[in-house]
Amino acid sequence: MAKKIDWSERARKELFEILKYWTKRHKSKTYSEYLNRLLIESVEHVAEQPESGKPTKFHNIRIKIVRDYLVYYRIDVEYIEVIPIWDSRRNPKKFKL
């Protein structure tokens, strides 16, 4: 049975900024809509199989890799919390979980 998906405020904001960037860059929403669908489907897959993501050094936090993005999520008994979404092309020294 799939767990409930909870998006943190940070993850929602990052997703919005990512989609806004691609819409502006391509002057079209087509790629943004595709990427949004891909990220949502990946998170839904995680809700069904929480252990499918790559483990991190933090307890109950895993990473789902979606194209160039790392979707960090926390596994709880009743839900999956999407924490941040990180573009893997960015400087890793600036990343804070």
Foldseek 3Di string as FASTA:
>chain_A
DFFAEAEDPQAVVQLVVVQVVVCVVVVHNVVSVVLVVQVVVQVRVCRVVVVPFDDDPDPQWGWDDGPQKTFIWGDDPRYIYTYHIDRNVDDPVPDDD
